[in-house]
Amino acid sequence: MAINNIHIIGNVGNDPKVHYFENSDKISIQFSVAVTDRWKDNAGTQKEDTTWVRCTRYTKNVDLAKYIRKGDKIYLAGKARTSAYIKDGVAVGVLEMLVDKIDFLSVKDNSNTPALPSDVPPTKDDDDLPF
C-alpha cells in the first residue's frame, strides 16, 4: 500500500491559467503557491525559507478560477509529484501538486474578484469514481 497525500497552506503567487481540453468538459486550472517556513536560529535571528509549489486542479467547474487570485491565502490538499527542467545547463527540480481540495482562508482585497458565495461549490470531482 502507498499513500501520497500533501496538505499545504500558502499564498497564491500568480493569477491562475485555465486550459481547455478538446472533446472534454473538463479544464485544468494552474497556479503557484508559496509556502514559507519561518524560524529563529541559535543566535535569535529570524530566518525563512519559501518553497514554491506548482498546482494543477482538474475540474468541470470553470467558475473556480475566478476565485483564485494572487496574494490569497489558501489551503490545498492533493497528491505530490515532481518534475524537472534544464536552466543554464543545470537540472532544476520542481514540486508539483495535483489538487483535490481547495479552501479559501483569506482573500486579498481585489475589487475585480467576485465575492465568495456562502455556498462555494465543492472543489472535489467524484465523477471519475467507478460507482
N, C-alpha and C. Protein backbone atom coordinates (compact mmCIF):
# COMPACT_ATOMS: atom_id res chain seq x y z
N MET A 1 0.84 -1.18 0.00
CA MET A 1 0.00 0.00 0.00
C MET A 1 0.88 1.24 0.00
N ALA A 2 0.49 2.24 -0.74
CA ALA A 2 1.23 3.50 -0.78
C ALA A 2 0.27 4.66 -0.52
N ILE A 3 0.77 5.68 0.14
CA ILE A 3 -0.02 6.87 0.41
C ILE A 3 0.71 8.07 -0.15
N ASN A 4 0.02 8.88 -0.92
CA ASN A 4 0.60 10.09 -1.48
C ASN A 4 -0.38 11.23 -1.22
N ASN A 5 -0.28 11.84 -0.05
CA ASN A 5 -1.13 12.97 0.33
C ASN A 5 -0.25 14.14 0.70
N ILE A 6 -0.65 15.32 0.26
CA ILE A 6 0.07 16.53 0.63
C ILE A 6 -0.98 17.57 1.00
N HIS A 7 -0.72 18.29 2.07
CA HIS A 7 -1.58 19.37 2.54
C HIS A 7 -0.71 20.59 2.73
N ILE A 8 -1.10 21.71 2.15
CA ILE A 8 -0.32 22.93 2.30
C ILE A 8 -1.24 24.12 2.56
N ILE A 9 -0.68 25.10 3.26
CA ILE A 9 -1.30 26.41 3.40
C ILE A 9 -0.27 27.41 2.92
N GLY A 10 -0.67 28.26 1.99
CA GLY A 10 0.28 29.23 1.45
C GLY A 10 -0.44 30.33 0.72
N ASN A 11 0.35 31.18 0.07
CA ASN A 11 -0.18 32.31 -0.67
C ASN A 11 -0.05 32.06 -2.16
N VAL A 12 -1.13 32.35 -2.89
CA VAL A 12 -1.13 32.19 -4.34
C VAL A 12 -0.13 33.18 -4.93
N GLY A 13 0.74 32.70 -5.79
CA GLY A 13 1.80 33.53 -6.35
C GLY A 13 1.48 34.16 -7.69
N ASN A 14 0.44 33.67 -8.36
CA ASN A 14 0.07 34.24 -9.66
C ASN A 14 -1.41 33.94 -9.93
N ASP A 15 -2.03 34.80 -10.74
CA ASP A 15 -3.40 34.51 -11.13
C ASP A 15 -3.41 33.22 -11.95
N PRO A 16 -4.46 32.43 -11.83
CA PRO A 16 -4.48 31.11 -12.48
C PRO A 16 -4.56 31.19 -14.00
N LYS A 17 -4.03 30.14 -14.62
CA LYS A 17 -4.17 29.95 -16.06
C LYS A 17 -5.14 28.80 -16.27
N VAL A 18 -6.11 29.00 -17.14
CA VAL A 18 -7.12 27.98 -17.41
C VAL A 18 -6.82 27.36 -18.77
N HIS A 19 -6.80 26.04 -18.83
CA HIS A 19 -6.56 25.31 -20.07
C HIS A 19 -7.79 24.45 -20.38
N TYR A 20 -8.27 24.58 -21.60
CA TYR A 20 -9.43 23.79 -22.05
C TYR A 20 -8.95 22.62 -22.88
N PHE A 21 -9.61 21.48 -22.75
CA PHE A 21 -9.25 20.28 -23.48
C PHE A 21 -10.26 20.04 -24.60
N GLU A 22 -9.78 19.61 -25.75
CA GLU A 22 -10.68 19.27 -26.85
C GLU A 22 -11.53 18.07 -26.48
N ASN A 23 -12.76 18.09 -26.92
CA ASN A 23 -13.69 16.98 -26.73
C ASN A 23 -13.87 16.60 -25.26
N SER A 24 -13.81 17.58 -24.37
CA SER A 24 -13.98 17.30 -22.95
C SER A 24 -14.59 18.52 -22.28
N ASP A 25 -15.37 18.27 -21.23
CA ASP A 25 -15.92 19.38 -20.47
C ASP A 25 -15.06 19.70 -19.26
N LYS A 26 -13.94 18.99 -19.10
CA LYS A 26 -13.01 19.28 -18.00
C LYS A 26 -12.00 20.33 -18.43
N ILE A 27 -11.52 21.07 -17.45
CA ILE A 27 -10.46 22.06 -17.66
C ILE A 27 -9.37 21.82 -16.63
N SER A 28 -8.22 22.45 -16.84
CA SER A 28 -7.20 22.47 -15.80
C SER A 28 -6.98 23.92 -15.40
N ILE A 29 -6.82 24.13 -14.11
CA ILE A 29 -6.51 25.44 -13.56
C ILE A 29 -5.12 25.32 -12.96
N GLN A 30 -4.20 26.16 -13.42
CA GLN A 30 -2.81 26.08 -12.96
C GLN A 30 -2.39 27.38 -12.30
N PHE A 31 -1.73 27.25 -11.15
CA PHE A 31 -1.25 28.39 -10.39
C PHE A 31 -0.13 27.92 -9.46
N SER A 32 0.62 28.85 -8.91
CA SER A 32 1.70 28.53 -7.98
C SER A 32 1.34 29.03 -6.59
N VAL A 33 1.83 28.31 -5.58
CA VAL A 33 1.61 28.70 -4.19
C VAL A 33 2.96 28.72 -3.48
N ALA A 34 3.18 29.80 -2.71
CA ALA A 34 4.39 29.94 -1.90
C ALA A 34 4.08 29.49 -0.47
N VAL A 35 4.88 28.54 0.02
CA VAL A 35 4.75 28.05 1.38
C VAL A 35 6.03 28.47 2.11
N THR A 36 5.88 29.35 3.09
CA THR A 36 7.04 29.91 3.77
C THR A 36 7.16 29.36 5.18
N ASP A 37 8.35 28.85 5.50
CA ASP A 37 8.69 28.32 6.82
C ASP A 37 9.55 29.38 7.52
N ARG A 38 9.16 29.79 8.73
CA ARG A 38 9.92 30.79 9.48
C ARG A 38 10.39 30.21 10.80
N TRP A 39 11.61 30.57 11.21
CA TRP A 39 12.18 30.10 12.46
C TRP A 39 13.29 31.06 12.89
N LYS A 40 13.75 30.86 14.13
CA LYS A 40 14.88 31.62 14.64
C LYS A 40 16.06 30.67 14.79
N ASP A 41 17.24 31.15 14.36
CA ASP A 41 18.44 30.32 14.51
C ASP A 41 18.95 30.44 15.95
N ASN A 42 20.07 29.78 16.25
CA ASN A 42 20.61 29.76 17.61
C ASN A 42 20.96 31.15 18.12
N ALA A 43 21.26 32.08 17.21
CA ALA A 43 21.61 33.45 17.60
C ALA A 43 20.36 34.32 17.76
N GLY A 44 19.18 33.77 17.51
CA GLY A 44 17.94 34.52 17.65
C GLY A 44 17.56 35.32 16.42
N THR A 45 18.28 35.10 15.31
CA THR A 45 17.99 35.80 14.06
C THR A 45 16.84 35.12 13.34
N GLN A 46 15.88 35.94 12.91
CA GLN A 46 14.73 35.41 12.17
C GLN A 46 15.18 34.90 10.80
N LYS A 47 14.81 33.68 10.46
CA LYS A 47 15.14 33.07 9.16
C LYS A 47 13.85 32.64 8.49
N GLU A 48 13.89 32.52 7.18
CA GLU A 48 12.74 31.99 6.46
C GLU A 48 13.20 31.31 5.18
N ASP A 49 12.40 30.34 4.77
CA ASP A 49 12.65 29.61 3.53
C ASP A 49 11.31 29.41 2.85
N THR A 50 11.24 29.78 1.57
CA THR A 50 9.99 29.66 0.81
C THR A 50 10.12 28.57 -0.23
N THR A 51 9.15 27.67 -0.24
CA THR A 51 9.06 26.62 -1.24
C THR A 51 7.89 26.95 -2.16
N TRP A 52 8.17 26.94 -3.46
CA TRP A 52 7.12 27.19 -4.45
C TRP A 52 6.57 25.86 -4.93
N VAL A 53 5.26 25.77 -4.98
CA VAL A 53 4.57 24.55 -5.41
C VAL A 53 3.73 24.90 -6.63
N ARG A 54 3.97 24.19 -7.75
CA ARG A 54 3.12 24.35 -8.94
C ARG A 54 1.88 23.50 -8.75
N CYS A 55 0.72 24.12 -8.83
CA CYS A 55 -0.54 23.43 -8.54
C CYS A 55 -1.40 23.32 -9.79
N THR A 56 -2.04 22.16 -9.94
CA THR A 56 -2.97 21.94 -11.04
C THR A 56 -4.24 21.33 -10.47
N ARG A 57 -5.37 21.93 -10.84
CA ARG A 57 -6.68 21.42 -10.42
C ARG A 57 -7.47 21.08 -11.68
N TYR A 58 -7.84 19.82 -11.84
CA TYR A 58 -8.70 19.39 -12.95
C TYR A 58 -10.14 19.42 -12.45
N THR A 59 -11.02 20.06 -13.21
CA THR A 59 -12.40 20.21 -12.76
C THR A 59 -13.31 20.51 -13.94
N LYS A 60 -14.59 20.41 -13.72
CA LYS A 60 -15.60 20.86 -14.69
C LYS A 60 -16.10 22.26 -14.32
N ASN A 61 -15.73 22.73 -13.13
CA ASN A 61 -16.20 23.99 -12.59
C ASN A 61 -15.34 25.15 -13.09
N VAL A 62 -15.72 25.74 -14.21
CA VAL A 62 -14.97 26.83 -14.83
C VAL A 62 -14.92 28.04 -13.91
N ASP A 63 -15.96 28.26 -13.13
CA ASP A 63 -16.02 29.44 -12.26
C ASP A 63 -14.99 29.42 -11.14
N LEU A 64 -14.47 28.27 -10.79
CA LEU A 64 -13.50 28.17 -9.70
C LEU A 64 -12.30 29.09 -9.93
N ALA A 65 -11.83 29.22 -11.14
CA ALA A 65 -10.65 30.04 -11.44
C ALA A 65 -10.87 31.51 -11.09
N LYS A 66 -12.12 31.98 -11.11
CA LYS A 66 -12.40 33.38 -10.79
C LYS A 66 -12.08 33.72 -9.34
N TYR A 67 -12.07 32.72 -8.47
CA TYR A 67 -11.89 32.96 -7.05
C TYR A 67 -10.44 32.82 -6.59
N ILE A 68 -9.58 32.29 -7.43
CA ILE A 68 -8.16 32.12 -7.08
C ILE A 68 -7.41 33.34 -7.58
N ARG A 69 -6.82 34.12 -6.68
CA ARG A 69 -6.13 35.35 -7.05
C ARG A 69 -4.80 35.46 -6.33
N LYS A 70 -3.86 36.08 -7.00
CA LYS A 70 -2.53 36.32 -6.45
C LYS A 70 -2.67 37.00 -5.09
N GLY A 71 -1.95 36.46 -4.11
CA GLY A 71 -1.96 37.03 -2.76
C GLY A 71 -2.91 36.35 -1.81
N ASP A 72 -3.90 35.60 -2.31
CA ASP A 72 -4.86 34.91 -1.44
C ASP A 72 -4.16 33.82 -0.64
N LYS A 73 -4.58 33.66 0.61
CA LYS A 73 -4.08 32.55 1.43
C LYS A 73 -5.07 31.41 1.28
N ILE A 74 -4.56 30.23 0.88
CA ILE A 74 -5.44 29.09 0.65
C ILE A 74 -4.86 27.82 1.27
N TYR A 75 -5.76 26.89 1.54
CA TYR A 75 -5.42 25.54 1.98
C TYR A 75 -5.66 24.62 0.80
N LEU A 76 -4.71 23.74 0.53
CA LEU A 76 -4.83 22.79 -0.57
C LEU A 76 -4.54 21.38 -0.06
N ALA A 77 -5.27 20.42 -0.57
CA ALA A 77 -4.99 19.01 -0.31
C ALA A 77 -4.95 18.30 -1.65
N GLY A 78 -4.04 17.36 -1.78
CA GLY A 78 -3.93 16.63 -3.04
C GLY A 78 -2.79 15.65 -3.03
N LYS A 79 -2.24 15.42 -4.22
CA LYS A 79 -1.15 14.46 -4.40
C LYS A 79 0.10 15.17 -4.89
N ALA A 80 1.24 14.76 -4.36
CA ALA A 80 2.51 15.36 -4.75
C ALA A 80 3.11 14.61 -5.93
N ARG A 81 3.82 15.36 -6.76
CA ARG A 81 4.63 14.76 -7.82
C ARG A 81 5.79 15.71 -8.08
N THR A 82 6.78 15.24 -8.77
CA THR A 82 7.94 16.07 -9.08
C THR A 82 8.21 16.06 -10.57
N SER A 83 8.89 17.11 -11.02
CA SER A 83 9.35 17.18 -12.39
C SER A 83 10.64 17.99 -12.38
N ALA A 84 11.23 18.15 -13.53
CA ALA A 84 12.47 18.92 -13.63
C ALA A 84 12.56 19.58 -14.99
N TYR A 85 13.34 20.64 -15.04
CA TYR A 85 13.63 21.30 -16.30
C TYR A 85 15.09 21.75 -16.28
N ILE A 86 15.62 22.07 -17.43
CA ILE A 86 17.01 22.49 -17.55
C ILE A 86 17.07 24.01 -17.63
N LYS A 87 17.86 24.62 -16.74
CA LYS A 87 18.07 26.07 -16.76
C LYS A 87 19.56 26.32 -16.71
N ASP A 88 20.07 26.97 -17.74
CA ASP A 88 21.51 27.27 -17.85
C ASP A 88 22.35 26.00 -17.72
N GLY A 89 21.86 24.92 -18.32
CA GLY A 89 22.61 23.67 -18.31
C GLY A 89 22.51 22.86 -17.02
N VAL A 90 21.69 23.31 -16.07
CA VAL A 90 21.55 22.63 -14.79
C VAL A 90 20.10 22.18 -14.61
N ALA A 91 19.92 20.95 -14.16
CA ALA A 91 18.57 20.44 -13.91
C ALA A 91 18.01 21.07 -12.64
N VAL A 92 16.79 21.57 -12.73
CA VAL A 92 16.12 22.20 -11.60
C VAL A 92 14.89 21.37 -11.26
N GLY A 93 14.79 20.92 -10.01
CA GLY A 93 13.65 20.13 -9.58
C GLY A 93 12.46 21.02 -9.24
N VAL A 94 11.27 20.49 -9.48
CA VAL A 94 10.04 21.23 -9.23
C VAL A 94 9.08 20.35 -8.43
N LEU A 95 8.51 20.92 -7.36
CA LEU A 95 7.47 20.24 -6.61
C LEU A 95 6.12 20.63 -7.20
N GLU A 96 5.33 19.64 -7.58
CA GLU A 96 4.02 19.88 -8.17
C GLU A 96 2.96 19.23 -7.30
N MET A 97 1.75 19.72 -7.44
CA MET A 97 0.63 19.18 -6.66
C MET A 97 -0.59 19.06 -7.55
N LEU A 98 -1.19 17.88 -7.56
CA LEU A 98 -2.49 17.67 -8.20
C LEU A 98 -3.53 17.91 -7.12
N VAL A 99 -4.24 19.00 -7.23
CA VAL A 99 -5.13 19.48 -6.17
C VAL A 99 -6.48 18.78 -6.22
N ASP A 100 -6.89 18.23 -5.06
CA ASP A 100 -8.20 17.62 -4.92
C ASP A 100 -9.17 18.53 -4.18
N LYS A 101 -8.63 19.37 -3.28
CA LYS A 101 -9.48 20.20 -2.43
C LYS A 101 -8.85 21.57 -2.26
N ILE A 102 -9.70 22.61 -2.32
CA ILE A 102 -9.27 23.99 -2.10
C ILE A 102 -10.18 24.62 -1.07
N ASP A 103 -9.58 25.24 -0.05
CA ASP A 103 -10.33 26.06 0.90
C ASP A 103 -9.71 27.45 0.90
N PHE A 104 -10.54 28.47 0.81
CA PHE A 104 -10.07 29.86 0.79
C PHE A 104 -10.01 30.35 2.23
N LEU A 105 -8.80 30.69 2.69
CA LEU A 105 -8.61 31.10 4.08
C LEU A 105 -8.73 32.61 4.23
N SER A 106 -8.10 33.36 3.35
CA SER A 106 -8.26 34.82 3.35
C SER A 106 -8.05 35.31 1.93
N VAL A 107 -8.86 36.26 1.56
CA VAL A 107 -8.83 36.77 0.20
C VAL A 107 -8.22 38.16 0.22
N LYS A 108 -7.22 38.37 -0.63
CA LYS A 108 -6.61 39.68 -0.75
C LYS A 108 -7.65 40.64 -1.31
N ASP A 109 -7.65 41.86 -0.80
CA ASP A 109 -8.62 42.85 -1.27
C ASP A 109 -8.40 43.13 -2.75
N ASN A 110 -9.39 42.78 -3.56
CA ASN A 110 -9.31 42.99 -5.00
C ASN A 110 -10.72 43.22 -5.51
N SER A 111 -10.99 44.43 -5.95
CA SER A 111 -12.35 44.78 -6.36
C SER A 111 -12.77 44.04 -7.63
N ASN A 112 -11.83 43.46 -8.37
CA ASN A 112 -12.18 42.74 -9.60
C ASN A 112 -12.61 41.30 -9.33
N THR A 113 -12.40 40.82 -8.11
CA THR A 113 -12.74 39.45 -7.78
C THR A 113 -14.14 39.40 -7.20
N PRO A 114 -15.01 38.54 -7.73
CA PRO A 114 -16.36 38.44 -7.17
C PRO A 114 -16.30 37.93 -5.74
N ALA A 115 -17.25 38.35 -4.93
CA ALA A 115 -17.31 37.88 -3.54
C ALA A 115 -17.56 36.38 -3.54
N LEU A 116 -16.92 35.70 -2.58
CA LEU A 116 -17.14 34.27 -2.46
C LEU A 116 -18.57 34.02 -2.03
N PRO A 117 -19.28 33.15 -2.72
CA PRO A 117 -20.64 32.84 -2.29
C PRO A 117 -20.60 32.07 -0.98
N SER A 118 -21.69 32.11 -0.24
CA SER A 118 -21.73 31.42 1.04
C SER A 118 -21.73 29.91 0.85
N ASP A 119 -22.08 29.46 -0.34
CA ASP A 119 -22.08 28.03 -0.64
C ASP A 119 -21.15 27.76 -1.82
N VAL A 120 -19.85 27.97 -1.59
CA VAL A 120 -18.86 27.73 -2.64
C VAL A 120 -19.02 26.29 -3.10
N PRO A 121 -19.12 26.06 -4.40
CA PRO A 121 -19.32 24.69 -4.88
C PRO A 121 -18.16 23.80 -4.48
N PRO A 122 -18.42 22.53 -4.25
CA PRO A 122 -17.34 21.61 -3.87
C PRO A 122 -16.26 21.61 -4.94
N THR A 123 -15.00 21.50 -4.48
CA THR A 123 -13.90 21.51 -5.42
C THR A 123 -13.44 20.11 -5.77
N LYS A 124 -14.02 19.11 -5.14
CA LYS A 124 -13.61 17.73 -5.43
C LYS A 124 -14.61 17.11 -6.40
N ASP A 125 -14.10 16.67 -7.53
CA ASP A 125 -14.95 15.99 -8.52
C ASP A 125 -14.89 14.49 -8.26
N ASP A 126 -16.02 13.89 -8.06
CA ASP A 126 -16.07 12.45 -7.86
C ASP A 126 -16.56 11.73 -9.11
N ASP A 127 -16.59 12.46 -10.25
CA ASP A 127 -17.15 11.87 -11.46
C ASP A 127 -16.29 10.77 -12.05
N ASP A 128 -15.02 10.64 -11.62
CA ASP A 128 -14.19 9.59 -12.18
C ASP A 128 -14.17 8.34 -11.31
N LEU A 129 -15.02 8.32 -10.26
CA LEU A 129 -15.14 7.13 -9.43
C LEU A 129 -15.95 6.09 -10.16
N PRO A 130 -15.64 4.82 -10.00
CA PRO A 130 -16.33 3.77 -10.74
C PRO A 130 -17.74 3.47 -10.22
N PHE A 131 -18.21 4.14 -9.20
CA PHE A 131 -19.55 3.84 -8.67
C PHE A 131 -20.33 5.10 -8.46
